[in-house]
Amino acid sequence: MAENLRIVAMNAVLYGYQLIADWAERRGHHITLVVTPPASRLKRYGDAPHLPLVLPESQDVLVSAKLDTVAPRAIAALEPDLVISSAFPRRIPTEITAIPRYGAVNLHPAPLPRGRGLNPLRHIYEGDEVVGTTLHRIEPEFDAGAILSQRIRPLPADVSGQVIYEMWTQMLAEVLDEGTERAIKGDYGTPQDEAQATYPAQFTPEERLLDWDEPARTVQCRAAALNVRTPIARARIGDEEVLVYDVRCLTSSAPAGAPGTIVERFDDGVVVRVRDGAVRVTTRPTAT
């Protein structure tokens, strides 16, 4: 990609911005503006710090909820080549997507059209043994635009929330490289199959509680899916409900006892009997 692009990034939290910023630095592009919503609109992201508080002082930022009036005027004045969104919680209107020379695209951490919307991790929680990332055109409907690039890879045996996050980071960079090349060449992308589209719901408090009466791999994948951004998986250990940081399947023969039986205790967790064996559960953060 010989051309140096002028980029407008649309992000709500740091990891979304950082994906685009790292890519732009590697490729010699310039982020002319970051558009982010007011802090009051960030409930989806929990305790994540508001983006202007953590960006470099040299980065120009527009904080606005007025995506159909204020933001388009500011973006148009910069004459950007491309708008890229990542971890942006609101629909981006045509008043913005029509501005850049090569269009507007979105990074999404799921194998679209499966996993549209606010919870791309549910497909892993429910047993899908793959990690997917997609770069697609932005349309009025969430995550429904034509696909410019996609990666789908199997979950590793030692899957954890951190492993999924690291896979996402690598795969999102790959689709950003490949997909922007297509956009610059005038390729609009491949339409999504609406018959395959899913819009997974957010995890409920009940779903965050791990069930020991499930197979070890299921427990491990559920914990990994819950803990990608920040640990939210919980479990009952004896009479106590605790926060779970990590779950690993054990390959030894199944210990005696019913599911939920504590087999062994460690400083940072326990080994627990599950339906088909046992898992090692980390219930305290590891010192670094």
Protein backbone atom coordinates (compact mmCIF):
# COMPACT_ATOMS: atom_id res chain seq x y z
CA MET A 1 0.00 0.00 0.00
CA ALA A 2 2.05 2.92 -1.32
CA GLU A 3 -0.40 5.71 -0.50
CA ASN A 4 -0.26 7.42 2.87
CA LEU A 5 -3.86 7.71 4.08
CA ARG A 6 -5.62 10.30 6.18
CA ILE A 7 -7.66 8.32 8.71
CA VAL A 8 -10.57 9.24 10.97
CA ALA A 9 -10.83 6.68 13.76
CA MET A 10 -14.08 6.13 15.65
CA ASN A 11 -13.54 4.46 19.02
CA ALA A 12 -14.98 4.36 22.51
CA VAL A 13 -12.16 2.71 24.44
CA LEU A 14 -8.39 2.43 24.21
CA TYR A 15 -8.02 -1.07 22.75
CA GLY A 16 -10.19 -0.13 19.76
CA TYR A 17 -8.11 2.97 19.08
CA GLN A 18 -4.82 1.15 19.65
CA LEU A 19 -5.56 -1.43 16.94
CA ILE A 20 -5.99 1.33 14.38
CA ALA A 21 -3.12 3.48 15.69
CA ASP A 22 -0.62 0.61 15.62
CA TRP A 23 -1.66 -0.32 12.08
CA ALA A 24 -1.47 3.30 10.89
CA GLU A 25 2.02 3.71 12.35
CA ARG A 26 3.27 0.52 10.67
CA ARG A 27 1.87 1.59 7.29
CA GLY A 28 2.77 5.26 7.41
CA HIS A 29 -0.80 6.54 7.66
CA HIS A 30 -1.99 9.47 9.78
CA ILE A 31 -4.95 9.54 12.16
CA THR A 32 -6.22 13.09 11.66
CA LEU A 33 -9.07 12.78 14.17
CA VAL A 34 -10.52 10.41 16.75
CA VAL A 35 -14.29 10.59 17.22
CA THR A 36 -15.53 9.22 20.54
CA PRO A 37 -18.83 9.41 22.45
CA PRO A 38 -19.25 11.22 25.77
CA ALA A 39 -18.29 9.22 28.85
CA SER A 40 -21.96 8.89 29.79
CA ARG A 41 -22.50 6.66 26.73
CA LEU A 42 -19.89 4.06 27.67
CA LYS A 43 -21.91 1.78 29.96
CA ARG A 44 -21.24 -1.17 27.66
CA TYR A 45 -17.52 -0.98 28.47
CA GLY A 46 -17.78 -1.02 32.25
CA ASP A 47 -14.94 0.78 34.02
CA ALA A 48 -12.86 1.46 30.89
CA PRO A 49 -11.39 4.99 31.10
CA HIS A 50 -12.84 7.59 28.76
CA LEU A 51 -10.66 7.69 25.65
CA PRO A 52 -9.53 11.36 25.76
CA LEU A 53 -7.95 10.65 29.16
CA VAL A 54 -5.51 8.10 27.77
CA LEU A 55 -4.71 9.23 24.21
CA PRO A 56 -1.46 11.00 23.28
CA GLU A 57 -1.64 14.76 23.76
CA SER A 58 -0.83 15.22 20.06
CA GLN A 59 -3.96 13.33 18.96
CA ASP A 60 -6.92 15.53 17.98
CA VAL A 61 -10.17 14.22 19.49
CA LEU A 62 -13.84 15.08 18.96
CA VAL A 63 -16.13 14.08 21.83
CA SER A 64 -19.68 14.17 20.51
CA ALA A 65 -22.94 12.24 20.50
CA LYS A 66 -24.20 14.23 17.49
CA LEU A 67 -23.14 11.85 14.72
CA ASP A 68 -25.53 13.28 12.14
CA THR A 69 -24.66 16.98 12.56
CA VAL A 70 -21.55 17.99 14.52
CA ALA A 71 -19.33 15.01 13.68
CA PRO A 72 -19.92 15.07 9.89
CA ARG A 73 -18.93 18.74 9.67
CA ALA A 74 -15.71 18.16 11.59
CA ILE A 75 -14.84 15.05 9.58
CA ALA A 76 -15.61 16.62 6.19
CA ALA A 77 -13.33 19.56 6.93
CA LEU A 78 -10.38 17.14 7.20
CA GLU A 79 -11.05 15.47 3.82
CA PRO A 80 -10.19 11.96 5.08
CA ASP A 81 -9.41 9.00 2.83
CA LEU A 82 -10.95 6.43 5.16
CA VAL A 83 -13.08 6.22 8.29
CA ILE A 84 -12.30 3.19 10.48
CA SER A 85 -14.31 2.24 13.54
CA SER A 86 -13.39 -0.27 16.20
CA ALA A 87 -15.19 -0.76 19.53
CA PHE A 88 -17.62 2.06 18.75
CA PRO A 89 -21.02 1.47 20.39
CA ARG A 90 -23.32 3.52 18.16
CA ARG A 91 -24.62 3.31 14.60
CA ILE A 92 -22.58 5.47 12.23
CA PRO A 93 -24.91 7.34 9.85
CA THR A 94 -24.55 7.91 6.12
CA GLU A 95 -23.77 11.57 6.86
CA ILE A 96 -20.36 10.23 7.97
CA THR A 97 -19.85 7.14 5.80
CA ALA A 98 -20.38 9.14 2.59
CA ILE A 99 -17.51 11.54 3.35
CA PRO A 100 -14.20 9.63 2.99
CA ARG A 101 -12.71 8.95 -0.43
CA TYR A 102 -12.49 5.18 0.10
CA GLY A 103 -15.51 4.78 2.36
CA ALA A 104 -16.04 3.74 5.97
CA VAL A 105 -15.19 0.36 7.46
CA ASN A 106 -15.54 -1.40 10.81
CA LEU A 107 -13.40 -3.96 12.63
CA HIS A 108 -15.50 -6.66 14.29
CA PRO A 109 -14.15 -9.60 16.36
CA ALA A 110 -16.48 -12.31 15.07
CA PRO A 111 -16.93 -14.45 11.93
CA LEU A 112 -19.70 -12.35 10.37
CA PRO A 113 -22.52 -12.71 9.62
CA ARG A 114 -22.49 -14.79 12.83
CA GLY A 115 -21.93 -12.74 15.96
CA ARG A 116 -23.19 -9.32 14.95
CA GLY A 117 -23.78 -6.69 17.58
CA LEU A 118 -22.69 -6.27 21.17
CA ASN A 119 -21.59 -9.77 22.17
CA PRO A 120 -19.29 -11.40 19.60
CA LEU A 121 -18.05 -13.82 22.27
CA ARG A 122 -21.30 -15.69 22.73
CA HIS A 123 -20.60 -18.09 19.88
CA ILE A 124 -17.48 -19.28 21.74
CA TYR A 125 -19.38 -19.42 25.04
CA GLU A 126 -21.98 -21.66 23.38
CA GLY A 127 -19.47 -24.12 21.94
CA ASP A 128 -18.17 -22.75 18.64
CA GLU A 129 -14.52 -23.83 18.49
CA VAL A 130 -13.31 -20.95 16.32
CA VAL A 131 -12.14 -17.35 16.69
CA GLY A 132 -13.10 -14.98 13.88
CA THR A 133 -12.43 -11.37 12.87
CA THR A 134 -13.92 -9.31 10.04
CA LEU A 135 -13.39 -5.97 8.31
CA HIS A 136 -16.62 -4.84 6.67
CA ARG A 137 -18.24 -1.80 5.11
CA ILE A 138 -20.38 0.26 7.47
CA GLU A 139 -24.09 0.17 6.69
CA PRO A 140 -27.06 1.54 8.68
CA GLU A 141 -27.58 -1.86 10.35
CA PHE A 142 -24.98 -3.00 12.89
CA ASP A 143 -22.23 -5.17 11.37
CA ALA A 144 -24.25 -5.91 8.21
CA GLY A 145 -22.04 -4.37 5.51
CA ALA A 146 -20.12 -6.14 2.76
CA ILE A 147 -17.09 -8.10 3.96
CA LEU A 148 -13.69 -6.85 2.80
CA SER A 149 -11.58 -9.36 4.73
CA GLN A 150 -12.04 -12.14 7.27
CA ARG A 151 -9.99 -14.59 9.34
CA ILE A 152 -11.33 -17.70 11.08
CA ARG A 153 -9.04 -19.92 13.16
CA PRO A 154 -9.61 -22.82 15.57
CA LEU A 155 -9.55 -22.28 19.32
CA PRO A 156 -6.32 -23.68 20.78
CA ALA A 157 -6.41 -26.42 23.38
CA ASP A 158 -5.04 -24.04 26.05
CA VAL A 159 -7.65 -21.36 25.38
CA SER A 160 -8.15 -18.53 27.86
CA GLY A 161 -9.47 -15.00 27.76
CA GLN A 162 -5.95 -13.68 27.24
CA VAL A 163 -5.33 -16.13 24.39
CA ILE A 164 -8.51 -15.05 22.60
CA TYR A 165 -7.55 -11.38 23.04
CA GLU A 166 -4.09 -12.02 21.58
CA MET A 167 -5.61 -13.93 18.63
CA TRP A 168 -8.04 -11.07 18.04
CA THR A 169 -5.22 -8.51 18.02
CA GLN A 170 -3.22 -10.41 15.41
CA MET A 171 -6.21 -11.33 13.24
CA LEU A 172 -7.75 -7.84 13.32
CA ALA A 173 -4.44 -6.40 12.11
CA GLU A 174 -4.44 -8.93 9.27
CA VAL A 175 -7.97 -8.12 8.10
CA LEU A 176 -7.25 -4.40 8.36
CA ASP A 177 -4.26 -4.80 6.03
CA GLU A 178 -6.07 -6.97 3.51
CA GLY A 179 -9.43 -5.20 3.64
CA THR A 180 -8.13 -1.65 3.25
CA GLU A 181 -6.18 -2.76 0.18
CA ARG A 182 -9.45 -3.93 -1.37
CA ALA A 183 -11.23 -0.72 -0.41
CA ILE A 184 -8.53 1.47 -1.99
CA LYS A 185 -8.79 -0.53 -5.21
CA GLY A 186 -12.51 0.22 -5.36
CA ASP A 187 -13.71 -3.24 -4.29
CA TYR A 188 -16.88 -2.82 -2.27
CA GLY A 189 -16.63 -6.30 -0.71
CA THR A 190 -18.70 -9.47 -0.55
CA PRO A 191 -22.32 -9.14 0.67
CA GLN A 192 -23.14 -11.03 3.85
CA ASP A 193 -25.59 -13.91 3.83
CA GLU A 194 -28.52 -12.60 5.88
CA ALA A 195 -29.82 -16.13 6.42
CA GLN A 196 -26.70 -16.86 8.51
CA ALA A 197 -26.84 -13.66 10.60
CA THR A 198 -27.06 -13.82 14.39
CA TYR A 199 -27.33 -11.03 16.97
CA PRO A 200 -26.22 -12.63 20.28
CA ALA A 201 -27.53 -11.20 23.52
CA GLN A 202 -25.29 -9.96 26.32
CA PHE A 203 -24.35 -12.42 29.06
CA THR A 204 -26.78 -12.56 31.96
CA PRO A 205 -25.62 -12.74 35.60
CA GLU A 206 -26.73 -16.39 35.62
CA GLU A 207 -24.61 -17.17 32.55
CA ARG A 208 -21.53 -15.73 34.22
CA LEU A 209 -21.71 -18.45 36.91
CA LEU A 210 -19.79 -21.54 35.75
CA ASP A 211 -21.53 -24.91 36.09
CA TRP A 212 -19.34 -27.78 37.31
CA ASP A 213 -21.86 -30.30 35.96
CA GLU A 214 -20.58 -29.66 32.43
CA PRO A 215 -17.63 -31.15 30.50
CA ALA A 216 -14.20 -29.70 31.26
CA ARG A 217 -13.77 -28.21 27.76
CA THR A 218 -17.15 -26.48 28.01
CA VAL A 219 -16.26 -24.94 31.38
CA GLN A 220 -12.89 -23.78 30.04
CA CYS A 221 -14.36 -22.19 26.89
CA ARG A 222 -17.14 -20.48 28.82
CA ALA A 223 -14.63 -18.96 31.23
CA ALA A 224 -12.40 -17.85 28.35
CA ALA A 225 -15.29 -16.17 26.52
CA LEU A 226 -16.38 -14.36 29.68
CA ASN A 227 -12.89 -13.13 30.55
CA VAL A 228 -11.54 -11.64 27.30
CA ARG A 229 -11.82 -7.96 28.23
CA THR A 230 -11.90 -8.23 32.01
CA PRO A 231 -12.63 -11.19 34.32
CA ILE A 232 -16.38 -11.56 34.87
CA ALA A 233 -16.65 -15.37 35.17
CA ARG A 234 -17.78 -16.54 38.59
CA ALA A 235 -18.09 -19.93 40.24
CA ARG A 236 -19.15 -21.53 43.49
CA ILE A 237 -16.22 -23.07 45.36
CA GLY A 238 -17.61 -24.87 48.37
CA ASP A 239 -19.93 -22.38 50.07
CA GLU A 240 -18.33 -19.30 48.50
CA GLU A 241 -19.00 -17.58 45.16
CA VAL A 242 -15.71 -16.30 43.71
CA LEU A 243 -14.37 -14.45 40.68
CA VAL A 244 -12.64 -16.83 38.25
CA TYR A 245 -9.55 -15.60 36.41
CA ASP A 246 -8.72 -18.75 34.44
CA VAL A 247 -9.76 -22.38 33.88
CA ARG A 248 -7.55 -25.15 32.49
CA CYS A 249 -8.54 -28.72 31.66
CA LEU A 250 -6.54 -31.47 33.36
CA THR A 251 -5.63 -34.57 31.38
CA SER A 252 -5.31 -37.00 34.29
CA SER A 253 -8.02 -39.55 35.01
CA ALA A 254 -11.23 -38.29 36.59
CA PRO A 255 -10.96 -37.98 40.37
CA ALA A 256 -13.60 -39.41 42.67
CA GLY A 257 -16.56 -37.30 43.74
CA ALA A 258 -19.53 -35.45 42.33
CA PRO A 259 -19.16 -32.37 40.08
CA GLY A 260 -18.13 -29.42 42.22
CA THR A 261 -16.02 -31.51 44.60
CA ILE A 262 -12.76 -29.76 45.53
CA VAL A 263 -9.92 -32.14 44.69
CA GLU A 264 -6.94 -29.97 45.66
CA ARG A 265 -6.28 -26.43 46.90
CA PHE A 266 -3.50 -24.02 45.86
CA ASP A 267 -2.52 -20.50 46.89
CA ASP A 268 -4.24 -19.05 43.81
CA GLY A 269 -7.11 -21.51 43.30
CA VAL A 270 -8.34 -25.08 43.31
CA VAL A 271 -8.80 -28.24 41.28
CA VAL A 272 -12.50 -29.02 40.91
CA ARG A 273 -14.29 -32.14 39.72
CA VAL A 274 -16.46 -31.58 36.62
CA ARG A 275 -18.70 -33.92 34.65
CA ASP A 276 -15.96 -35.74 32.73
CA GLY A 277 -12.83 -35.03 34.78
CA ALA A 278 -11.33 -32.04 36.54
CA VAL A 279 -10.26 -28.45 35.91
CA ARG A 280 -7.70 -26.21 37.57
CA VAL A 281 -9.41 -22.94 38.51
CA THR A 282 -7.47 -19.74 39.21
CA THR A 283 -9.44 -17.61 41.65
CA ARG A 284 -6.78 -15.02 42.53
CA PRO A 285 -4.71 -12.86 40.17
CA THR A 286 -1.18 -14.11 39.60
CA ALA A 287 1.54 -11.78 40.85
CA THR A 288 3.77 -10.33 38.13
